[in-house]
Amino acid sequence: MATVHEKPRIAEIPTDVEVDPVTLDIIEGALKSARFEMDAVLFRSAMSPVIREQHDEFPMITDPKGRMIVGQFGAYINEMMEEWDRGIYPGDVILTSDPFKCSASISHTNDWLVLVPIFYDDELVGWASQFGHMMDCGGPLPGSLPTGARTIFEEGLIIPPLKIVERGEVQQDVLGLILNNMRLPEMNRAD
């Protein structure tokens, strides 16, 4: 078993493989379909009308180095993982709302970004990520978008990248700390 500070084994990406146009089209279609399914699942399950009705969310699938394969927002994963000093394992889920920790792929603390490593045969083969706009993330005003804010610290709770699920087990103390600082904890937990 890997120690806590070990980096995951990253699958080698072959560069000398020739793929015929039909196979390439099938793979591209499957990846796009997975991305659209990520959208559909969140739209159906979200409690927040900002996600459910306004579709203020974006999915992404990357290779193991964090380079975007399909999605709508920047490739922030490699930068975030360079600073990550804990292990990454199957079943982990990472959450952040800190724009400064993800290459500004999210723009304010209401945007929560979820990152899930994808493993195959104990090798990291990619990442799935999705962010969505939360209705409230604490701070001085409901909605967490104070127009008079001069710093990000006035927007609400800033969540650094942390595991809310580790090896398939929900980290209740971490999740409880986050949700205890929200006006709509049930909605944020569901979304």
N, C-alpha and C. Protein backbone atom coordinates (compact mmCIF):
# COMPACT_ATOMS: atom_id res chain seq x y z
N MET A 1 0.85 -1.19 0.00
CA MET A 1 0.00 0.00 0.00
C MET A 1 0.88 1.24 0.00
N ALA A 2 0.47 2.25 -0.73
CA ALA A 2 1.23 3.49 -0.84
C ALA A 2 1.21 4.26 0.47
N THR A 3 2.32 4.95 0.74
CA THR A 3 2.33 5.81 1.91
C THR A 3 1.57 7.09 1.60
N VAL A 4 1.31 7.87 2.62
CA VAL A 4 0.47 9.06 2.47
C VAL A 4 1.05 10.06 1.47
N HIS A 5 2.38 10.16 1.39
CA HIS A 5 2.98 11.20 0.55
C HIS A 5 3.36 10.72 -0.85
N GLU A 6 3.08 9.46 -1.17
CA GLU A 6 3.43 8.96 -2.50
C GLU A 6 2.53 9.57 -3.56
N LYS A 7 3.14 9.86 -4.70
CA LYS A 7 2.37 10.30 -5.86
C LYS A 7 1.81 9.04 -6.53
N PRO A 8 0.64 9.14 -7.15
CA PRO A 8 0.09 7.96 -7.82
C PRO A 8 0.93 7.60 -9.05
N ARG A 9 0.92 6.31 -9.40
CA ARG A 9 1.55 5.89 -10.65
C ARG A 9 0.72 6.45 -11.79
N ILE A 10 1.36 7.16 -12.68
CA ILE A 10 0.66 7.77 -13.80
C ILE A 10 0.84 6.89 -15.03
N ALA A 11 -0.26 6.56 -15.67
CA ALA A 11 -0.22 5.73 -16.86
C ALA A 11 0.55 6.45 -17.97
N GLU A 12 1.36 5.69 -18.69
CA GLU A 12 2.08 6.24 -19.83
C GLU A 12 1.10 6.44 -20.98
N ILE A 13 1.21 7.57 -21.63
CA ILE A 13 0.36 7.88 -22.77
C ILE A 13 1.16 7.59 -24.03
N PRO A 14 0.77 6.57 -24.78
CA PRO A 14 1.53 6.26 -26.00
C PRO A 14 1.39 7.40 -27.02
N THR A 15 2.50 7.73 -27.64
CA THR A 15 2.48 8.82 -28.63
C THR A 15 2.67 8.31 -30.06
N ASP A 16 2.99 7.03 -30.20
CA ASP A 16 3.27 6.49 -31.53
C ASP A 16 2.14 5.60 -32.05
N VAL A 17 0.96 5.76 -31.52
CA VAL A 17 -0.18 4.95 -31.92
C VAL A 17 -0.91 5.62 -33.08
N GLU A 18 -1.17 4.83 -34.11
CA GLU A 18 -1.96 5.34 -35.23
C GLU A 18 -3.40 4.89 -35.04
N VAL A 19 -4.31 5.83 -35.15
CA VAL A 19 -5.73 5.52 -34.97
C VAL A 19 -6.45 5.92 -36.26
N ASP A 20 -7.25 5.00 -36.77
CA ASP A 20 -7.98 5.31 -37.99
C ASP A 20 -9.11 6.30 -37.67
N PRO A 21 -9.58 7.03 -38.67
CA PRO A 21 -10.60 8.07 -38.44
C PRO A 21 -11.89 7.57 -37.80
N VAL A 22 -12.30 6.36 -38.12
CA VAL A 22 -13.55 5.83 -37.55
C VAL A 22 -13.39 5.59 -36.05
N THR A 23 -12.28 4.96 -35.66
CA THR A 23 -12.03 4.71 -34.24
C THR A 23 -11.90 6.03 -33.48
N LEU A 24 -11.19 6.97 -34.08
CA LEU A 24 -11.03 8.28 -33.45
C LEU A 24 -12.39 8.95 -33.24
N ASP A 25 -13.26 8.86 -34.22
CA ASP A 25 -14.59 9.44 -34.12
C ASP A 25 -15.41 8.76 -33.02
N ILE A 26 -15.27 7.45 -32.89
CA ILE A 26 -15.99 6.71 -31.84
C ILE A 26 -15.49 7.14 -30.46
N ILE A 27 -14.17 7.24 -30.30
CA ILE A 27 -13.60 7.66 -29.01
C ILE A 27 -14.04 9.08 -28.68
N GLU A 28 -13.97 9.97 -29.66
CA GLU A 28 -14.39 11.35 -29.44
C GLU A 28 -15.86 11.41 -29.03
N GLY A 29 -16.70 10.64 -29.70
CA GLY A 29 -18.12 10.61 -29.37
C GLY A 29 -18.37 10.09 -27.96
N ALA A 30 -17.62 9.06 -27.56
CA ALA A 30 -17.78 8.51 -26.21
C ALA A 30 -17.37 9.53 -25.14
N LEU A 31 -16.28 10.24 -25.37
CA LEU A 31 -15.85 11.26 -24.41
C LEU A 31 -16.83 12.41 -24.32
N LYS A 32 -17.34 12.86 -25.46
CA LYS A 32 -18.35 13.93 -25.45
C LYS A 32 -19.61 13.45 -24.74
N SER A 33 -19.98 12.21 -24.97
CA SER A 33 -21.16 11.66 -24.31
C SER A 33 -20.98 11.62 -22.80
N ALA A 34 -19.79 11.23 -22.35
CA ALA A 34 -19.50 11.21 -20.91
C ALA A 34 -19.61 12.61 -20.33
N ARG A 35 -19.10 13.59 -21.04
CA ARG A 35 -19.20 14.98 -20.59
C ARG A 35 -20.64 15.44 -20.50
N PHE A 36 -21.45 15.13 -21.51
CA PHE A 36 -22.86 15.53 -21.49
C PHE A 36 -23.62 14.80 -20.39
N GLU A 37 -23.23 13.57 -20.11
CA GLU A 37 -23.86 12.82 -19.01
C GLU A 37 -23.52 13.45 -17.67
N MET A 38 -22.30 13.96 -17.52
CA MET A 38 -21.93 14.67 -16.29
C MET A 38 -22.85 15.87 -16.09
N ASP A 39 -23.10 16.62 -17.17
CA ASP A 39 -24.04 17.75 -17.10
C ASP A 39 -25.42 17.26 -16.67
N ALA A 40 -25.92 16.25 -17.36
CA ALA A 40 -27.29 15.78 -17.14
C ALA A 40 -27.51 15.31 -15.71
N VAL A 41 -26.55 14.57 -15.17
CA VAL A 41 -26.69 14.07 -13.79
C VAL A 41 -26.76 15.24 -12.82
N LEU A 42 -25.90 16.23 -13.00
CA LEU A 42 -25.92 17.38 -12.08
C LEU A 42 -27.20 18.19 -12.23
N PHE A 43 -27.67 18.40 -13.46
CA PHE A 43 -28.91 19.15 -13.65
C PHE A 43 -30.09 18.46 -12.98
N ARG A 44 -30.13 17.13 -13.07
CA ARG A 44 -31.24 16.37 -12.47
C ARG A 44 -31.17 16.33 -10.95
N SER A 45 -29.97 16.33 -10.40
CA SER A 45 -29.84 16.13 -8.96
C SER A 45 -29.63 17.43 -8.17
N ALA A 46 -29.28 18.51 -8.82
CA ALA A 46 -28.97 19.76 -8.12
C ALA A 46 -30.20 20.35 -7.45
N MET A 47 -30.01 20.87 -6.26
CA MET A 47 -31.07 21.61 -5.56
C MET A 47 -30.99 23.10 -5.88
N SER A 48 -29.80 23.58 -6.15
CA SER A 48 -29.60 25.00 -6.43
C SER A 48 -30.18 25.36 -7.79
N PRO A 49 -31.06 26.37 -7.84
CA PRO A 49 -31.59 26.79 -9.14
C PRO A 49 -30.51 27.40 -10.03
N VAL A 50 -29.44 27.88 -9.45
CA VAL A 50 -28.35 28.45 -10.25
C VAL A 50 -27.71 27.35 -11.10
N ILE A 51 -27.62 26.15 -10.56
CA ILE A 51 -27.08 25.02 -11.33
C ILE A 51 -28.20 24.40 -12.17
N ARG A 52 -29.30 24.09 -11.54
CA ARG A 52 -30.38 23.33 -12.20
C ARG A 52 -31.03 24.10 -13.35
N GLU A 53 -31.27 25.38 -13.17
CA GLU A 53 -32.00 26.15 -14.17
C GLU A 53 -31.11 27.06 -15.01
N GLN A 54 -30.10 27.65 -14.40
CA GLN A 54 -29.22 28.55 -15.16
C GLN A 54 -28.01 27.84 -15.74
N HIS A 55 -27.81 26.59 -15.32
CA HIS A 55 -26.71 25.75 -15.82
C HIS A 55 -25.34 26.40 -15.59
N ASP A 56 -25.18 27.02 -14.41
CA ASP A 56 -23.89 27.61 -14.06
C ASP A 56 -23.01 26.52 -13.45
N GLU A 57 -22.52 25.67 -14.31
CA GLU A 57 -21.64 24.56 -13.94
C GLU A 57 -20.90 24.13 -15.20
N PHE A 58 -19.74 23.53 -15.02
CA PHE A 58 -18.96 23.10 -16.17
C PHE A 58 -18.20 21.82 -15.83
N PRO A 59 -18.30 20.80 -16.67
CA PRO A 59 -17.56 19.56 -16.46
C PRO A 59 -16.26 19.54 -17.28
N MET A 60 -15.37 18.65 -16.90
CA MET A 60 -14.12 18.49 -17.64
C MET A 60 -13.58 17.08 -17.40
N ILE A 61 -13.00 16.50 -18.43
CA ILE A 61 -12.27 15.24 -18.33
C ILE A 61 -10.89 15.50 -18.90
N THR A 62 -9.85 15.04 -18.17
CA THR A 62 -8.48 15.30 -18.60
C THR A 62 -7.68 14.00 -18.68
N ASP A 63 -6.48 14.11 -19.20
CA ASP A 63 -5.54 13.00 -19.15
C ASP A 63 -4.90 12.99 -17.76
N PRO A 64 -4.00 12.05 -17.46
CA PRO A 64 -3.44 11.99 -16.10
C PRO A 64 -2.59 13.20 -15.72
N LYS A 65 -2.12 13.95 -16.69
CA LYS A 65 -1.33 15.15 -16.39
C LYS A 65 -2.20 16.39 -16.29
N GLY A 66 -3.51 16.23 -16.38
CA GLY A 66 -4.42 17.35 -16.21
C GLY A 66 -4.70 18.14 -17.48
N ARG A 67 -4.28 17.62 -18.63
CA ARG A 67 -4.55 18.31 -19.89
C ARG A 67 -5.96 17.99 -20.35
N MET A 68 -6.73 19.02 -20.64
CA MET A 68 -8.15 18.86 -20.97
C MET A 68 -8.34 18.03 -22.24
N ILE A 69 -9.23 17.03 -22.13
CA ILE A 69 -9.64 16.23 -23.28
C ILE A 69 -10.99 16.72 -23.77
N VAL A 70 -11.95 16.82 -22.86
CA VAL A 70 -13.24 17.43 -23.16
C VAL A 70 -13.63 18.31 -21.98
N GLY A 71 -14.32 19.40 -22.27
CA GLY A 71 -14.76 20.28 -21.20
C GLY A 71 -14.88 21.70 -21.67
N GLN A 72 -15.03 22.60 -20.71
CA GLN A 72 -15.28 23.99 -21.04
C GLN A 72 -14.40 24.98 -20.32
N PHE A 73 -13.59 24.54 -19.39
CA PHE A 73 -12.76 25.52 -18.68
C PHE A 73 -11.33 25.03 -18.60
N GLY A 74 -10.43 25.90 -18.19
CA GLY A 74 -9.00 25.68 -18.27
C GLY A 74 -8.47 24.45 -17.58
N ALA A 75 -7.26 24.11 -17.94
CA ALA A 75 -6.58 22.95 -17.38
C ALA A 75 -5.79 23.39 -16.14
N TYR A 76 -6.40 23.29 -14.99
CA TYR A 76 -5.82 23.76 -13.74
C TYR A 76 -5.21 22.62 -12.92
N ILE A 77 -5.48 21.39 -13.27
CA ILE A 77 -5.19 20.25 -12.40
C ILE A 77 -3.70 20.08 -12.16
N ASN A 78 -2.88 20.16 -13.19
CA ASN A 78 -1.45 19.97 -13.02
C ASN A 78 -0.88 20.96 -12.02
N GLU A 79 -1.26 22.23 -12.13
CA GLU A 79 -0.77 23.25 -11.19
C GLU A 79 -1.20 22.92 -9.76
N MET A 80 -2.46 22.52 -9.59
CA MET A 80 -2.95 22.20 -8.25
C MET A 80 -2.22 20.99 -7.68
N MET A 81 -1.99 19.98 -8.50
CA MET A 81 -1.36 18.76 -8.01
C MET A 81 0.13 18.94 -7.73
N GLU A 82 0.77 19.92 -8.35
CA GLU A 82 2.18 20.19 -8.04
C GLU A 82 2.34 20.64 -6.59
N GLU A 83 1.33 21.31 -6.04
CA GLU A 83 1.37 21.75 -4.64
C GLU A 83 0.79 20.71 -3.69
N TRP A 84 0.14 19.69 -4.21
CA TRP A 84 -0.53 18.68 -3.39
C TRP A 84 0.52 17.81 -2.72
N ASP A 85 0.51 17.72 -1.40
CA ASP A 85 1.52 16.94 -0.68
C ASP A 85 0.95 15.70 0.00
N ARG A 86 -0.24 15.31 -0.42
CA ARG A 86 -0.86 14.10 0.11
C ARG A 86 -1.04 13.11 -1.02
N GLY A 87 -1.28 11.88 -0.70
CA GLY A 87 -1.49 10.87 -1.73
C GLY A 87 -2.81 11.06 -2.46
N ILE A 88 -2.90 10.47 -3.63
CA ILE A 88 -4.14 10.42 -4.41
C ILE A 88 -4.45 8.95 -4.61
N TYR A 89 -5.69 8.55 -4.29
CA TYR A 89 -6.07 7.15 -4.34
C TYR A 89 -7.42 6.98 -5.02
N PRO A 90 -7.69 5.77 -5.50
CA PRO A 90 -9.04 5.51 -6.02
C PRO A 90 -10.07 5.80 -4.93
N GLY A 91 -11.16 6.44 -5.32
CA GLY A 91 -12.21 6.77 -4.37
C GLY A 91 -12.07 8.14 -3.73
N ASP A 92 -10.99 8.87 -4.03
CA ASP A 92 -10.80 10.22 -3.47
C ASP A 92 -11.68 11.23 -4.21
N VAL A 93 -12.11 12.25 -3.49
CA VAL A 93 -12.82 13.39 -4.07
C VAL A 93 -12.24 14.64 -3.42
N ILE A 94 -11.75 15.56 -4.25
CA ILE A 94 -11.14 16.80 -3.77
C ILE A 94 -12.10 17.95 -4.06
N LEU A 95 -12.22 18.87 -3.11
CA LEU A 95 -13.08 20.04 -3.25
C LEU A 95 -12.26 21.30 -3.02
N THR A 96 -12.52 22.34 -3.80
CA THR A 96 -11.93 23.65 -3.55
C THR A 96 -12.89 24.74 -4.02
N SER A 97 -12.77 25.90 -3.38
CA SER A 97 -13.47 27.10 -3.86
C SER A 97 -12.50 28.26 -3.94
N ASP A 98 -11.21 27.96 -3.95
CA ASP A 98 -10.17 28.98 -3.93
C ASP A 98 -9.67 29.26 -5.35
N PRO A 99 -10.05 30.40 -5.93
CA PRO A 99 -9.63 30.71 -7.30
C PRO A 99 -8.11 30.75 -7.48
N PHE A 100 -7.39 31.05 -6.40
CA PHE A 100 -5.94 31.17 -6.49
C PHE A 100 -5.24 29.82 -6.46
N LYS A 101 -5.97 28.74 -6.22
CA LYS A 101 -5.38 27.40 -6.17
C LYS A 101 -5.71 26.58 -7.41
N CYS A 102 -6.41 27.18 -8.37
CA CYS A 102 -6.82 26.41 -9.56
C CYS A 102 -6.72 27.25 -10.83
N SER A 103 -5.67 28.03 -10.92
CA SER A 103 -5.43 28.85 -12.12
C SER A 103 -6.61 29.71 -12.50
N ALA A 104 -7.37 30.16 -11.51
CA ALA A 104 -8.56 31.00 -11.72
C ALA A 104 -9.58 30.34 -12.65
N SER A 105 -9.63 29.01 -12.65
CA SER A 105 -10.67 28.30 -13.41
C SER A 105 -12.04 28.59 -12.83
N ILE A 106 -12.07 28.91 -11.54
CA ILE A 106 -13.28 29.42 -10.92
C ILE A 106 -12.98 30.87 -10.55
N SER A 107 -14.02 31.70 -10.50
CA SER A 107 -13.74 33.13 -10.35
C SER A 107 -14.07 33.71 -8.99
N HIS A 108 -14.81 32.98 -8.17
CA HIS A 108 -15.15 33.49 -6.84
C HIS A 108 -15.51 32.32 -5.95
N THR A 109 -15.67 32.59 -4.65
CA THR A 109 -15.84 31.50 -3.68
C THR A 109 -17.19 30.80 -3.79
N ASN A 110 -18.14 31.34 -4.52
CA ASN A 110 -19.41 30.64 -4.74
C ASN A 110 -19.24 29.47 -5.70
N ASP A 111 -18.19 29.48 -6.50
CA ASP A 111 -17.94 28.37 -7.42
C ASP A 111 -17.16 27.29 -6.68
N TRP A 112 -17.77 26.13 -6.55
CA TRP A 112 -17.11 25.00 -5.90
C TRP A 112 -16.67 24.04 -6.99
N LEU A 113 -15.42 23.62 -6.91
CA LEU A 113 -14.84 22.74 -7.91
C LEU A 113 -14.56 21.39 -7.27
N VAL A 114 -15.06 20.33 -7.90
CA VAL A 114 -14.87 18.97 -7.42
C VAL A 114 -13.96 18.24 -8.41
N LEU A 115 -12.98 17.53 -7.89
CA LEU A 115 -11.98 16.84 -8.70
C LEU A 115 -11.90 15.38 -8.26
N VAL A 116 -12.02 14.46 -9.23
CA VAL A 116 -11.99 13.02 -8.93
C VAL A 116 -10.93 12.36 -9.80
N PRO A 117 -9.97 11.65 -9.19
CA PRO A 117 -8.98 10.93 -10.00
C PRO A 117 -9.62 9.68 -10.61
N ILE A 118 -9.19 9.35 -11.82
CA ILE A 118 -9.68 8.15 -12.51
C ILE A 118 -8.53 7.16 -12.58
N PHE A 119 -8.72 5.99 -11.99
CA PHE A 119 -7.69 4.95 -11.97
C PHE A 119 -8.13 3.75 -12.81
N TYR A 120 -7.14 3.09 -13.40
CA TYR A 120 -7.35 1.81 -14.08
C TYR A 120 -6.14 0.95 -13.77
N ASP A 121 -6.36 -0.23 -13.22
CA ASP A 121 -5.25 -1.12 -12.82
C ASP A 121 -4.22 -0.39 -11.95
N ASP A 122 -4.70 0.33 -10.96
CA ASP A 122 -3.86 1.05 -10.00
C ASP A 122 -3.00 2.15 -10.62
N GLU A 123 -3.31 2.57 -11.84
CA GLU A 123 -2.60 3.68 -12.45
C GLU A 123 -3.57 4.83 -12.68
N LEU A 124 -3.09 6.04 -12.42
CA LEU A 124 -3.89 7.22 -12.70
C LEU A 124 -3.96 7.40 -14.21
N VAL A 125 -5.17 7.36 -14.77
CA VAL A 125 -5.33 7.49 -16.22
C VAL A 125 -6.03 8.79 -16.61
N GLY A 126 -6.53 9.53 -15.64
CA GLY A 126 -7.20 10.79 -15.95
C GLY A 126 -7.86 11.40 -14.73
N TRP A 127 -8.56 12.48 -14.99
CA TRP A 127 -9.29 13.20 -13.94
C TRP A 127 -10.66 13.58 -14.47
N ALA A 128 -11.65 13.55 -13.61
CA ALA A 128 -12.97 14.11 -13.91
C ALA A 128 -13.17 15.27 -12.95
N SER A 129 -13.69 16.36 -13.47
CA SER A 129 -13.87 17.54 -12.65
C SER A 129 -15.16 18.24 -13.04
N GLN A 130 -15.74 18.89 -12.08
CA GLN A 130 -16.96 19.66 -12.34
C GLN A 130 -17.02 20.79 -11.34
N PHE A 131 -17.41 21.98 -11.81
CA PHE A 131 -17.67 23.02 -10.83
C PHE A 131 -19.07 23.53 -11.02
N GLY A 132 -19.61 24.02 -9.91
CA GLY A 132 -20.95 24.57 -9.93
C GLY A 132 -21.03 25.75 -8.97
N HIS A 133 -21.92 26.66 -9.29
CA HIS A 133 -22.11 27.86 -8.48
C HIS A 133 -23.07 27.55 -7.33
N MET A 134 -22.59 27.73 -6.10
CA MET A 134 -23.41 27.51 -4.91
C MET A 134 -24.22 28.76 -4.60
N MET A 135 -25.41 28.57 -4.07
CA MET A 135 -26.28 29.70 -3.72
C MET A 135 -25.68 30.55 -2.60
N ASP A 136 -24.96 29.92 -1.67
CA ASP A 136 -24.41 30.66 -0.54
C ASP A 136 -23.16 29.93 -0.05
N CYS A 137 -22.15 30.69 0.32
CA CYS A 137 -20.95 30.07 0.89
C CYS A 137 -20.48 30.84 2.12
N GLY A 138 -21.46 31.36 2.86
CA GLY A 138 -21.14 32.10 4.08
C GLY A 138 -20.86 33.56 3.76
N GLY A 139 -20.14 34.21 4.64
CA GLY A 139 -19.83 35.63 4.43
C GLY A 139 -20.90 36.53 5.00
N PRO A 140 -20.74 37.83 4.83
CA PRO A 140 -21.62 38.80 5.49
C PRO A 140 -23.04 38.88 4.94
N LEU A 141 -23.26 38.50 3.68
CA LEU A 141 -24.58 38.65 3.07
C LEU A 141 -25.09 37.33 2.50
N PRO A 142 -26.38 37.07 2.58
CA PRO A 142 -26.94 35.90 1.90
C PRO A 142 -26.62 35.96 0.41
N GLY A 143 -26.26 34.83 -0.14
CA GLY A 143 -25.88 34.78 -1.55
C GLY A 143 -24.38 34.92 -1.76
N SER A 144 -23.69 35.43 -0.74
CA SER A 144 -22.22 35.53 -0.73
C SER A 144 -21.64 36.33 -1.88
N LEU A 145 -22.38 37.31 -2.38
CA LEU A 145 -21.85 38.18 -3.43
C LEU A 145 -21.97 39.65 -3.01
N PRO A 146 -21.27 40.05 -1.94
CA PRO A 146 -21.40 41.43 -1.48
C PRO A 146 -20.78 42.41 -2.48
N THR A 147 -21.58 43.37 -2.92
CA THR A 147 -21.09 44.31 -3.93
C THR A 147 -20.02 45.25 -3.38
N GLY A 148 -19.97 45.41 -2.08
CA GLY A 148 -18.97 46.29 -1.48
C GLY A 148 -17.69 45.59 -1.09
N ALA A 149 -17.55 44.32 -1.42
CA ALA A 149 -16.36 43.57 -1.02
C ALA A 149 -15.11 44.13 -1.69
N ARG A 150 -14.07 44.26 -0.91
CA ARG A 150 -12.80 44.76 -1.44
C ARG A 150 -11.77 43.64 -1.55
N THR A 151 -12.03 42.54 -0.86
CA THR A 151 -11.11 41.39 -0.93
C THR A 151 -11.93 40.12 -1.04
N ILE A 152 -11.28 39.06 -1.43
CA ILE A 152 -11.94 37.76 -1.55
C ILE A 152 -12.41 37.25 -0.19
N PHE A 153 -11.78 37.71 0.87
CA PHE A 153 -12.13 37.24 2.21
C PHE A 153 -13.51 37.71 2.64
N GLU A 154 -14.07 38.67 1.95
CA GLU A 154 -15.41 39.16 2.26
C GLU A 154 -16.50 38.41 1.49
N GLU A 155 -16.12 37.47 0.64
CA GLU A 155 -17.09 36.72 -0.16
C GLU A 155 -17.66 35.51 0.56
N GLY A 156 -16.99 35.03 1.57
CA GLY A 156 -17.44 33.82 2.26
C GLY A 156 -16.28 32.86 2.45
N LEU A 157 -16.60 31.66 2.85
CA LEU A 157 -15.59 30.65 3.15
C LEU A 157 -14.77 30.31 1.91
N ILE A 158 -13.46 30.38 2.04
CA ILE A 158 -12.55 29.98 0.97
C ILE A 158 -12.06 28.58 1.31
N ILE A 159 -12.39 27.63 0.47
CA ILE A 159 -12.03 26.23 0.73
C ILE A 159 -10.77 25.90 -0.05
N PRO A 160 -9.66 25.62 0.64
CA PRO A 160 -8.45 25.21 -0.09
C PRO A 160 -8.68 23.80 -0.64
N PRO A 161 -7.87 23.34 -1.58
CA PRO A 161 -8.05 21.97 -2.06
C PRO A 161 -7.91 20.99 -0.90
N LEU A 162 -8.96 20.21 -0.67
CA LEU A 162 -8.93 19.20 0.39
C LEU A 162 -9.83 18.03 0.02
N LYS A 163 -9.54 16.91 0.65
CA LYS A 163 -10.33 15.71 0.37
C LYS A 163 -11.60 15.72 1.21
N ILE A 164 -12.75 15.63 0.52
CA ILE A 164 -14.00 15.45 1.25
C ILE A 164 -14.40 13.98 1.24
N VAL A 165 -13.76 13.21 0.37
CA VAL A 165 -13.90 11.76 0.37
C VAL A 165 -12.49 11.20 0.20
N GLU A 166 -12.11 10.28 1.08
CA GLU A 166 -10.79 9.66 0.98
C GLU A 166 -10.95 8.15 0.88
N ARG A 167 -10.45 7.61 -0.24
CA ARG A 167 -10.54 6.17 -0.51
C ARG A 167 -11.97 5.66 -0.36
N GLY A 168 -12.92 6.47 -0.81
CA GLY A 168 -14.33 6.07 -0.80
C GLY A 168 -15.07 6.39 0.48
N GLU A 169 -14.40 6.94 1.47
CA GLU A 169 -15.04 7.25 2.74
C GLU A 169 -15.21 8.76 2.92
N VAL A 170 -16.45 9.19 3.11
CA VAL A 170 -16.74 10.62 3.30
C VAL A 170 -16.05 11.10 4.57
N GLN A 171 -15.36 12.22 4.47
CA GLN A 171 -14.68 12.82 5.61
C GLN A 171 -15.68 13.75 6.31
N GLN A 172 -16.47 13.17 7.21
CA GLN A 172 -17.58 13.89 7.84
C GLN A 172 -17.13 15.13 8.61
N ASP A 173 -15.96 15.06 9.26
CA ASP A 173 -15.50 16.23 10.01
C ASP A 173 -15.17 17.39 9.08
N VAL A 174 -14.54 17.11 7.96
CA VAL A 174 -14.20 18.15 6.99
C VAL A 174 -15.47 18.72 6.37
N LEU A 175 -16.35 17.84 5.94
CA LEU A 175 -17.61 18.28 5.33
C LEU A 175 -18.45 19.06 6.33
N GLY A 176 -18.48 18.61 7.58
CA GLY A 176 -19.22 19.32 8.62
C GLY A 176 -18.69 20.72 8.87
N LEU A 177 -17.37 20.88 8.89
CA LEU A 177 -16.77 22.20 9.07
C LEU A 177 -17.17 23.14 7.94
N ILE A 178 -17.14 22.65 6.72
CA ILE A 178 -17.52 23.49 5.57
C ILE A 178 -18.99 23.86 5.65
N LEU A 179 -19.86 22.87 5.81
CA LEU A 179 -21.30 23.12 5.77
C LEU A 179 -21.78 23.93 6.97
N ASN A 180 -21.07 23.87 8.09
CA ASN A 180 -21.45 24.64 9.27
C ASN A 180 -21.27 26.15 9.04
N ASN A 181 -20.56 26.52 7.99
CA ASN A 181 -20.32 27.93 7.68
C ASN A 181 -21.21 28.43 6.54
N MET A 182 -22.24 27.67 6.20
CA MET A 182 -23.15 28.03 5.10
C MET A 182 -24.55 28.30 5.63
N ARG A 183 -25.29 29.18 4.95
CA ARG A 183 -26.69 29.42 5.32
C ARG A 183 -27.60 28.32 4.79
N LEU A 184 -27.17 27.63 3.74
CA LEU A 184 -27.99 26.59 3.10
C LEU A 184 -27.21 25.27 3.06
N PRO A 185 -26.85 24.72 4.23
CA PRO A 185 -25.98 23.55 4.22
C PRO A 185 -26.58 22.34 3.50
N GLU A 186 -27.89 22.14 3.62
CA GLU A 186 -28.51 20.98 2.96
C GLU A 186 -28.39 21.11 1.44
N MET A 187 -28.62 22.31 0.94
CA MET A 187 -28.53 22.53 -0.51
C MET A 187 -27.09 22.36 -0.99
N ASN A 188 -26.14 22.94 -0.26
CA ASN A 188 -24.74 22.82 -0.66
C ASN A 188 -24.28 21.37 -0.62
N ARG A 189 -24.70 20.63 0.39
CA ARG A 189 -24.31 19.22 0.48
C ARG A 189 -24.87 18.43 -0.69
N ALA A 190 -26.11 18.68 -1.04
CA ALA A 190 -26.74 17.95 -2.15
C ALA A 190 -26.09 18.29 -3.48
N ASP A 191 -25.75 19.54 -3.66
CA ASP A 191 -25.16 19.95 -4.94
C ASP A 191 -23.71 19.52 -5.05
